[in-house]
N, C-alpha and C. Protein backbone atom coordinates (compact mmCIF):
# COMPACT_ATOMS: atom_id res chain seq x y z
N MET A 1 -62.63 -106.64 -83.07
CA MET A 1 -61.43 -106.42 -81.88
C MET A 1 -60.66 -105.10 -81.81
N THR A 2 -60.66 -104.41 -80.84
CA THR A 2 -60.05 -103.22 -81.17
C THR A 2 -58.58 -103.74 -80.07
N THR A 3 -57.98 -102.89 -80.87
CA THR A 3 -55.89 -102.98 -80.39
C THR A 3 -55.83 -101.91 -79.70
N ILE A 4 -55.27 -101.91 -78.56
CA ILE A 4 -54.82 -100.63 -77.62
C ILE A 4 -53.42 -100.78 -77.50
N HIS A 5 -52.62 -99.55 -78.02
CA HIS A 5 -51.54 -99.79 -77.50
C HIS A 5 -51.11 -98.77 -76.77
N ALA A 6 -50.06 -99.08 -75.47
CA ALA A 6 -50.17 -98.25 -74.59
C ALA A 6 -48.98 -96.90 -74.94
N GLU A 7 -49.25 -96.01 -74.57
CA GLU A 7 -48.22 -94.57 -74.72
C GLU A 7 -46.86 -94.89 -74.72
N ARG A 8 -45.96 -94.93 -75.28
CA ARG A 8 -44.71 -94.80 -74.72
C ARG A 8 -44.02 -93.70 -74.13
N ALA A 9 -43.18 -93.81 -72.95
CA ALA A 9 -42.73 -92.44 -72.22
C ALA A 9 -41.73 -91.86 -73.45
N THR A 10 -42.15 -90.70 -73.17
CA THR A 10 -41.17 -89.75 -74.25
C THR A 10 -39.90 -89.20 -73.76
N ASP A 11 -39.63 -89.30 -72.41
CA ASP A 11 -38.26 -88.69 -71.57
C ASP A 11 -37.36 -89.66 -72.27
N SER A 12 -36.14 -89.45 -71.39
CA SER A 12 -34.94 -90.11 -71.76
C SER A 12 -35.16 -91.78 -71.83
N PRO A 13 -34.36 -92.19 -72.59
CA PRO A 13 -34.26 -93.89 -72.80
C PRO A 13 -33.68 -94.35 -71.37
N LEU A 14 -34.29 -95.50 -71.23
CA LEU A 14 -33.26 -96.40 -70.43
C LEU A 14 -32.27 -97.12 -70.85
N THR A 15 -31.24 -97.10 -70.67
CA THR A 15 -29.93 -97.36 -71.16
C THR A 15 -29.32 -98.43 -70.43
N ILE A 16 -29.34 -100.15 -71.00
CA ILE A 16 -28.68 -101.16 -70.08
C ILE A 16 -27.42 -101.66 -71.00
N GLY A 17 -26.70 -101.85 -70.62
CA GLY A 17 -25.52 -102.66 -71.39
C GLY A 17 -25.01 -101.65 -72.57
N GLY A 18 -25.21 -100.46 -72.68
CA GLY A 18 -25.19 -99.92 -74.01
C GLY A 18 -25.99 -99.82 -74.94
N ARG A 19 -27.26 -100.60 -74.65
CA ARG A 19 -28.57 -100.50 -75.70
C ARG A 19 -29.61 -99.56 -74.44
N ALA A 20 -30.15 -98.88 -75.29
CA ALA A 20 -31.28 -97.90 -75.06
C ALA A 20 -32.64 -98.06 -75.99
N PHE A 21 -33.91 -98.12 -74.89
CA PHE A 21 -35.34 -98.31 -74.84
C PHE A 21 -35.83 -97.41 -74.25
N ARG A 22 -37.05 -97.54 -75.03
CA ARG A 22 -37.60 -96.48 -75.04
C ARG A 22 -38.99 -96.40 -73.55
N SER A 23 -39.28 -97.71 -73.70
CA SER A 23 -40.11 -98.29 -72.78
C SER A 23 -39.21 -98.71 -71.38
N ARG A 24 -39.73 -98.52 -69.86
CA ARG A 24 -39.11 -99.07 -68.99
C ARG A 24 -39.74 -100.11 -68.75
N LEU A 25 -40.58 -100.58 -69.31
CA LEU A 25 -41.36 -101.93 -68.48
C LEU A 25 -41.09 -103.21 -69.22
N MET A 26 -41.17 -104.21 -68.55
CA MET A 26 -40.48 -105.25 -68.92
C MET A 26 -41.61 -106.06 -68.54
N VAL A 27 -41.89 -107.40 -69.40
CA VAL A 27 -43.11 -108.14 -69.65
C VAL A 27 -42.42 -109.50 -69.66
N GLY A 28 -43.46 -110.47 -68.89
CA GLY A 28 -42.78 -111.72 -69.15
C GLY A 28 -43.90 -112.57 -70.15
N THR A 29 -43.57 -114.04 -70.36
CA THR A 29 -44.10 -114.62 -71.51
C THR A 29 -45.14 -115.96 -70.81
N GLY A 30 -44.85 -115.75 -69.38
CA GLY A 30 -45.53 -116.75 -68.57
C GLY A 30 -46.75 -116.55 -67.95
N LYS A 31 -47.78 -117.40 -67.96
CA LYS A 31 -49.37 -117.39 -67.10
C LYS A 31 -50.18 -116.81 -67.68
N TYR A 32 -49.99 -117.01 -69.27
CA TYR A 32 -50.94 -116.48 -70.13
C TYR A 32 -52.14 -117.51 -70.63
N ARG A 33 -53.22 -117.35 -70.77
CA ARG A 33 -54.07 -118.77 -71.16
C ARG A 33 -53.60 -119.32 -72.67
N ASN A 34 -53.52 -118.41 -73.18
CA ASN A 34 -52.86 -118.86 -74.74
C ASN A 34 -51.62 -117.75 -75.18
N ASN A 35 -50.97 -118.07 -76.47
CA ASN A 35 -50.17 -117.24 -77.41
C ASN A 35 -50.99 -116.07 -77.38
N GLY A 36 -52.04 -116.23 -78.18
CA GLY A 36 -52.98 -115.33 -78.54
C GLY A 36 -53.14 -113.89 -77.25
N ASP A 37 -53.58 -114.57 -76.43
CA ASP A 37 -53.22 -113.56 -75.12
C ASP A 37 -52.05 -112.78 -74.46
N MET A 38 -51.08 -113.45 -74.75
CA MET A 38 -50.00 -113.42 -74.46
C MET A 38 -49.29 -112.07 -75.59
N VAL A 39 -49.54 -112.42 -76.76
CA VAL A 39 -49.34 -111.52 -77.73
C VAL A 39 -49.98 -110.27 -77.98
N ARG A 40 -51.30 -110.22 -77.59
CA ARG A 40 -52.19 -108.93 -77.29
C ARG A 40 -51.59 -108.27 -76.11
N ALA A 41 -51.21 -109.08 -74.72
CA ALA A 41 -50.87 -108.24 -73.72
C ALA A 41 -49.85 -107.53 -73.85
N ILE A 42 -48.49 -108.02 -74.37
CA ILE A 42 -47.26 -107.73 -74.54
C ILE A 42 -47.43 -106.64 -75.66
N GLU A 43 -48.48 -106.57 -76.74
CA GLU A 43 -48.63 -105.35 -77.79
C GLU A 43 -49.35 -104.38 -76.91
N ALA A 44 -50.22 -104.45 -76.18
CA ALA A 44 -51.31 -103.04 -75.70
C ALA A 44 -50.13 -102.60 -74.42
N SER A 45 -49.29 -103.20 -73.84
CA SER A 45 -48.29 -102.81 -72.80
C SER A 45 -47.43 -102.20 -73.50
N GLY A 46 -46.83 -102.13 -74.34
CA GLY A 46 -45.94 -101.05 -75.34
C GLY A 46 -44.56 -101.49 -74.83
N ALA A 47 -44.10 -102.31 -74.18
CA ALA A 47 -43.32 -102.67 -73.58
C ALA A 47 -42.34 -103.22 -74.93
N GLU A 48 -40.72 -103.02 -74.74
CA GLU A 48 -40.12 -103.58 -75.66
C GLU A 48 -39.26 -104.74 -75.10
N ILE A 49 -38.78 -104.80 -73.79
CA ILE A 49 -37.95 -106.05 -73.38
C ILE A 49 -39.35 -107.22 -72.77
N VAL A 50 -39.02 -108.41 -73.51
CA VAL A 50 -40.07 -109.28 -73.15
C VAL A 50 -39.06 -110.25 -72.77
N THR A 51 -39.24 -111.11 -71.15
CA THR A 51 -38.44 -111.78 -70.54
C THR A 51 -39.02 -113.44 -70.87
N VAL A 52 -38.20 -114.37 -71.49
CA VAL A 52 -38.52 -115.79 -71.44
C VAL A 52 -37.66 -116.42 -70.70
N ALA A 53 -38.43 -117.26 -70.42
CA ALA A 53 -37.83 -118.51 -68.80
C ALA A 53 -37.31 -119.86 -70.01
N VAL A 54 -35.96 -119.59 -69.95
CA VAL A 54 -35.77 -120.62 -71.02
C VAL A 54 -35.82 -122.05 -70.40
N ARG A 55 -35.95 -122.11 -69.33
CA ARG A 55 -36.34 -123.43 -68.88
C ARG A 55 -37.50 -123.67 -69.32
N ARG A 56 -38.30 -123.28 -69.35
CA ARG A 56 -39.51 -123.57 -69.43
C ARG A 56 -40.55 -123.59 -70.85
N VAL A 57 -39.12 -122.68 -72.10
CA VAL A 57 -40.24 -122.69 -73.02
C VAL A 57 -39.72 -123.69 -74.13
N ASP A 58 -40.11 -123.93 -75.32
CA ASP A 58 -39.37 -124.81 -76.51
C ASP A 58 -38.61 -123.71 -77.14
N LEU A 59 -37.01 -123.83 -77.42
CA LEU A 59 -36.37 -122.98 -77.73
C LEU A 59 -36.05 -122.92 -79.44
N ASP A 60 -37.19 -123.51 -80.09
CA ASP A 60 -37.42 -123.77 -82.01
C ASP A 60 -38.25 -122.77 -82.55
N ARG A 61 -37.71 -122.09 -82.78
CA ARG A 61 -38.47 -120.89 -83.38
C ARG A 61 -39.75 -121.00 -84.27
N SER A 62 -39.47 -122.13 -84.85
CA SER A 62 -40.24 -122.66 -86.08
C SER A 62 -41.51 -123.48 -85.56
N LYS A 63 -41.64 -123.82 -84.26
CA LYS A 63 -42.69 -124.44 -83.75
C LYS A 63 -43.81 -123.30 -83.69
N ASP A 64 -45.07 -123.44 -84.35
CA ASP A 64 -46.26 -122.43 -84.43
C ASP A 64 -46.98 -122.06 -82.99
N GLU A 65 -46.71 -123.52 -82.39
CA GLU A 65 -47.16 -123.62 -81.04
C GLU A 65 -46.22 -123.06 -79.73
N GLY A 66 -45.28 -122.95 -80.07
CA GLY A 66 -44.37 -121.86 -79.12
C GLY A 66 -44.09 -120.96 -79.49
N ILE A 67 -43.91 -120.47 -78.01
CA ILE A 67 -43.65 -118.63 -77.54
C ILE A 67 -43.01 -118.22 -78.74
N LEU A 68 -41.63 -118.44 -79.10
CA LEU A 68 -40.84 -117.57 -79.80
C LEU A 68 -41.30 -117.68 -81.24
N TYR A 69 -42.30 -118.63 -81.60
CA TYR A 69 -42.59 -118.35 -82.96
C TYR A 69 -43.53 -116.66 -83.30
N HIS A 70 -44.09 -116.44 -81.94
CA HIS A 70 -45.18 -115.46 -81.99
C HIS A 70 -44.75 -113.88 -81.57
N LEU A 71 -43.21 -114.08 -80.70
CA LEU A 71 -42.49 -112.80 -80.59
C LEU A 71 -41.38 -112.49 -81.46
N SER A 72 -41.25 -111.41 -82.59
CA SER A 72 -40.32 -111.38 -83.44
C SER A 72 -39.06 -110.61 -82.90
N PRO A 73 -38.01 -111.15 -82.91
CA PRO A 73 -36.96 -110.46 -82.26
C PRO A 73 -36.48 -109.29 -83.15
N GLU A 74 -37.07 -108.68 -84.02
CA GLU A 74 -36.99 -107.42 -84.93
C GLU A 74 -37.99 -106.70 -84.38
N GLN A 75 -39.17 -106.82 -83.21
CA GLN A 75 -40.13 -106.53 -82.83
C GLN A 75 -39.88 -105.86 -81.11
N TYR A 76 -39.28 -106.88 -80.84
CA TYR A 76 -39.17 -107.33 -79.25
C TYR A 76 -37.65 -107.75 -78.89
N PHE A 77 -37.46 -106.91 -77.90
CA PHE A 77 -36.05 -107.25 -77.12
C PHE A 77 -36.08 -108.48 -76.37
N LEU A 78 -36.00 -109.81 -76.83
CA LEU A 78 -35.74 -110.71 -76.26
C LEU A 78 -35.33 -111.08 -75.43
N LEU A 79 -35.33 -111.24 -73.34
CA LEU A 79 -34.31 -111.24 -72.33
C LEU A 79 -34.76 -112.64 -72.00
N ALA A 80 -33.60 -113.61 -71.94
CA ALA A 80 -33.57 -114.62 -71.72
C ALA A 80 -33.82 -114.52 -69.88
N ASN A 81 -34.50 -115.58 -69.34
CA ASN A 81 -34.51 -115.35 -68.11
C ASN A 81 -34.30 -116.90 -67.34
N THR A 82 -33.49 -117.03 -66.21
CA THR A 82 -33.34 -118.28 -65.69
C THR A 82 -34.38 -118.64 -64.39
N ALA A 83 -35.08 -118.28 -64.82
CA ALA A 83 -36.13 -118.62 -63.69
C ALA A 83 -36.80 -119.92 -63.82
N GLY A 84 -37.05 -120.40 -62.32
CA GLY A 84 -36.79 -121.81 -62.06
C GLY A 84 -35.43 -122.56 -61.94
N CYS A 85 -34.62 -121.91 -61.90
CA CYS A 85 -33.26 -122.28 -61.27
C CYS A 85 -32.96 -122.31 -59.83
N TYR A 86 -32.49 -123.27 -58.98
CA TYR A 86 -32.47 -123.35 -57.68
C TYR A 86 -30.82 -123.19 -57.43
N THR A 87 -29.84 -123.37 -58.66
CA THR A 87 -28.36 -123.35 -58.17
C THR A 87 -27.78 -122.57 -59.40
N ALA A 88 -26.35 -121.92 -58.81
CA ALA A 88 -25.58 -120.76 -59.66
C ALA A 88 -25.39 -122.07 -61.02
N ASP A 89 -25.07 -123.19 -60.82
CA ASP A 89 -25.11 -123.90 -61.81
C ASP A 89 -25.85 -124.17 -62.45
N GLU A 90 -27.01 -124.25 -62.18
CA GLU A 90 -28.49 -124.30 -63.06
C GLU A 90 -28.48 -123.33 -64.06
N ALA A 91 -28.50 -121.84 -63.05
CA ALA A 91 -29.07 -121.21 -64.06
C ALA A 91 -27.57 -120.45 -64.54
N MET A 92 -26.61 -120.72 -64.73
CA MET A 92 -25.36 -120.63 -65.61
C MET A 92 -25.47 -121.25 -66.77
N ARG A 93 -26.18 -122.87 -66.88
CA ARG A 93 -26.05 -123.93 -67.85
C ARG A 93 -27.41 -123.25 -68.92
N TYR A 94 -28.48 -122.57 -68.31
CA TYR A 94 -29.49 -121.99 -68.75
C TYR A 94 -29.42 -120.54 -69.36
N ALA A 95 -28.39 -119.93 -68.72
CA ALA A 95 -27.94 -118.62 -69.66
C ALA A 95 -27.18 -119.20 -70.95
N ARG A 96 -26.35 -119.96 -70.37
CA ARG A 96 -25.42 -120.15 -72.07
C ARG A 96 -26.74 -121.12 -72.84
N LEU A 97 -26.86 -121.87 -72.51
CA LEU A 97 -28.21 -122.50 -73.44
C LEU A 97 -28.99 -121.06 -74.09
N SER A 98 -29.09 -120.36 -73.45
CA SER A 98 -30.10 -119.31 -74.30
C SER A 98 -28.72 -118.51 -75.48
N ARG A 99 -27.77 -118.37 -75.26
CA ARG A 99 -27.07 -117.77 -76.32
C ARG A 99 -26.28 -119.07 -77.11
N GLU A 100 -26.80 -119.75 -77.16
CA GLU A 100 -26.18 -120.62 -78.24
C GLU A 100 -27.42 -121.03 -79.26
N ALA A 101 -28.87 -120.65 -78.20
CA ALA A 101 -30.02 -120.75 -78.92
C ALA A 101 -30.45 -119.53 -79.76
N GLY A 102 -29.56 -118.52 -79.69
CA GLY A 102 -29.53 -117.34 -80.59
C GLY A 102 -30.45 -116.01 -80.03
N PHE A 103 -30.22 -116.06 -78.44
CA PHE A 103 -30.74 -115.03 -77.37
C PHE A 103 -29.24 -113.91 -77.67
N ASN A 104 -29.54 -113.21 -76.90
CA ASN A 104 -28.43 -111.95 -77.40
C ASN A 104 -27.40 -112.22 -75.74
N GLU A 105 -26.72 -111.65 -75.29
CA GLU A 105 -25.72 -111.93 -74.35
C GLU A 105 -26.45 -111.47 -73.07
N PHE A 106 -27.40 -110.26 -73.09
CA PHE A 106 -28.38 -110.33 -71.67
C PHE A 106 -29.00 -111.50 -70.96
N VAL A 107 -29.01 -111.21 -69.96
CA VAL A 107 -30.00 -112.61 -69.18
C VAL A 107 -30.15 -112.06 -67.85
N LYS A 108 -31.67 -111.93 -67.53
CA LYS A 108 -32.18 -111.77 -66.50
C LYS A 108 -32.05 -113.07 -65.54
N LEU A 109 -31.33 -113.06 -64.57
CA LEU A 109 -30.34 -113.98 -63.90
C LEU A 109 -31.15 -114.18 -62.43
N GLU A 110 -31.57 -115.26 -62.46
CA GLU A 110 -32.32 -115.80 -61.43
C GLU A 110 -31.67 -117.23 -60.79
N VAL A 111 -31.92 -116.53 -59.18
CA VAL A 111 -31.25 -118.29 -58.81
C VAL A 111 -32.27 -118.31 -57.39
N ILE A 112 -33.32 -119.33 -56.87
CA ILE A 112 -34.08 -119.15 -56.27
C ILE A 112 -33.67 -119.83 -54.65
N GLY A 113 -33.87 -119.21 -53.77
CA GLY A 113 -33.41 -120.12 -52.55
C GLY A 113 -34.03 -120.51 -51.98
N ASP A 114 -35.31 -120.02 -51.85
CA ASP A 114 -36.63 -120.42 -51.12
C ASP A 114 -37.54 -120.63 -51.79
N ARG A 115 -38.06 -122.04 -51.98
CA ARG A 115 -39.04 -122.86 -53.03
C ARG A 115 -40.67 -122.01 -52.77
N GLU A 116 -40.51 -121.95 -50.93
CA GLU A 116 -42.56 -121.33 -50.46
C GLU A 116 -42.30 -119.91 -51.10
N THR A 117 -41.34 -119.09 -50.71
CA THR A 117 -41.26 -117.32 -50.90
C THR A 117 -40.93 -117.15 -52.70
N LEU A 118 -40.06 -118.13 -53.01
CA LEU A 118 -39.45 -117.83 -54.18
C LEU A 118 -38.30 -116.68 -54.23
N LEU A 119 -37.48 -116.61 -52.79
CA LEU A 119 -36.89 -115.30 -52.51
C LEU A 119 -35.14 -115.85 -53.16
N PRO A 120 -34.82 -115.11 -53.62
CA PRO A 120 -33.39 -115.50 -54.38
C PRO A 120 -32.16 -116.07 -53.57
N ASP A 121 -31.29 -116.60 -53.75
CA ASP A 121 -30.25 -117.06 -53.24
C ASP A 121 -29.40 -116.15 -53.62
N THR A 122 -28.89 -115.47 -53.13
CA THR A 122 -28.57 -114.26 -52.98
C THR A 122 -26.36 -114.54 -53.19
N GLU A 123 -26.25 -115.47 -52.67
CA GLU A 123 -24.87 -116.16 -52.63
C GLU A 123 -24.69 -116.83 -54.27
N GLY A 124 -25.80 -117.59 -54.66
CA GLY A 124 -25.67 -118.17 -55.81
C GLY A 124 -25.61 -117.29 -56.56
N LEU A 125 -26.75 -116.33 -56.81
CA LEU A 125 -26.86 -115.20 -57.67
C LEU A 125 -25.71 -114.66 -57.71
N LEU A 126 -24.81 -114.30 -57.05
CA LEU A 126 -23.48 -113.46 -57.33
C LEU A 126 -22.66 -114.91 -57.59
N THR A 127 -22.56 -115.88 -57.30
CA THR A 127 -21.31 -116.62 -57.95
C THR A 127 -21.68 -116.58 -59.46
N ALA A 128 -22.90 -116.84 -59.64
CA ALA A 128 -23.58 -116.93 -61.22
C ALA A 128 -23.30 -115.98 -61.86
N ALA A 129 -23.80 -114.52 -61.02
CA ALA A 129 -23.42 -113.44 -61.99
C ALA A 129 -22.02 -113.26 -62.27
N ARG A 130 -20.78 -113.02 -61.64
CA ARG A 130 -19.95 -112.89 -61.63
C ARG A 130 -19.31 -114.00 -62.82
N GLU A 131 -19.21 -115.10 -62.77
CA GLU A 131 -19.08 -116.09 -64.19
C GLU A 131 -19.44 -115.86 -65.43
N LEU A 132 -20.65 -115.74 -65.59
CA LEU A 132 -21.51 -115.32 -66.66
C LEU A 132 -21.08 -113.98 -67.31
N ALA A 133 -20.61 -112.66 -66.05
CA ALA A 133 -19.76 -111.63 -66.86
C ALA A 133 -18.54 -112.11 -67.17
N ARG A 134 -17.94 -112.52 -66.26
CA ARG A 134 -16.60 -113.18 -66.84
C ARG A 134 -17.11 -113.19 -68.51
N GLU A 135 -17.84 -114.33 -68.98
CA GLU A 135 -18.06 -114.70 -70.48
C GLU A 135 -18.73 -114.13 -71.33
N GLY A 136 -19.24 -112.72 -70.99
CA GLY A 136 -19.70 -111.85 -71.64
C GLY A 136 -20.37 -111.11 -71.79
N PHE A 137 -21.57 -112.02 -70.99
CA PHE A 137 -23.15 -111.85 -70.72
C PHE A 137 -23.42 -110.44 -69.84
N LYS A 138 -24.26 -109.82 -70.29
CA LYS A 138 -24.76 -108.51 -69.27
C LYS A 138 -25.73 -108.89 -68.67
N VAL A 139 -25.48 -108.95 -67.38
CA VAL A 139 -26.56 -109.86 -66.32
C VAL A 139 -27.01 -108.79 -65.70
N LEU A 140 -28.80 -109.09 -65.44
CA LEU A 140 -29.88 -108.14 -64.96
C LEU A 140 -30.39 -109.20 -63.58
N ALA A 141 -29.75 -109.10 -62.55
CA ALA A 141 -29.78 -109.86 -61.20
C ALA A 141 -31.08 -109.83 -60.59
N TYR A 142 -31.68 -110.43 -60.38
CA TYR A 142 -32.88 -110.44 -59.97
C TYR A 142 -33.10 -110.81 -58.35
N THR A 143 -33.10 -110.09 -58.02
CA THR A 143 -32.85 -109.82 -56.40
C THR A 143 -33.51 -109.59 -55.10
N ASN A 144 -33.37 -109.39 -53.78
CA ASN A 144 -33.96 -108.55 -52.94
C ASN A 144 -33.08 -107.72 -52.14
N ASP A 145 -31.61 -108.32 -52.38
CA ASP A 145 -30.40 -107.38 -51.05
C ASP A 145 -29.79 -106.61 -52.18
């Protein structure tokens, strides 16, 4: 099988929270048929930042069937994601869990406001973002407003 790697942009780096990245592309770990397809797609994308939905993954890196077993934190910047959270409290709980599980202080914060469209609850998002920022998290808020 031929492996194709996307060329990384050579312009100025993307800097978020004091951390510089060559690629501006962020990719997720969900919706793949299997872990092999996920790894190949992420490698081919050239992305450095990979989001991980904390609610939906086994956080035990030693299990070879788990997503985290296949993604090296030395190779990728693993960005914890609160996807699937419907309240500020739930999103904050999963953000804190991610940090306890060994993720970094960055979090892609999502608080869903509408189950049909999955549009965010902006008030809940702001509540969670303010508190997590006070706790030292670097919050990347997923919002439409």
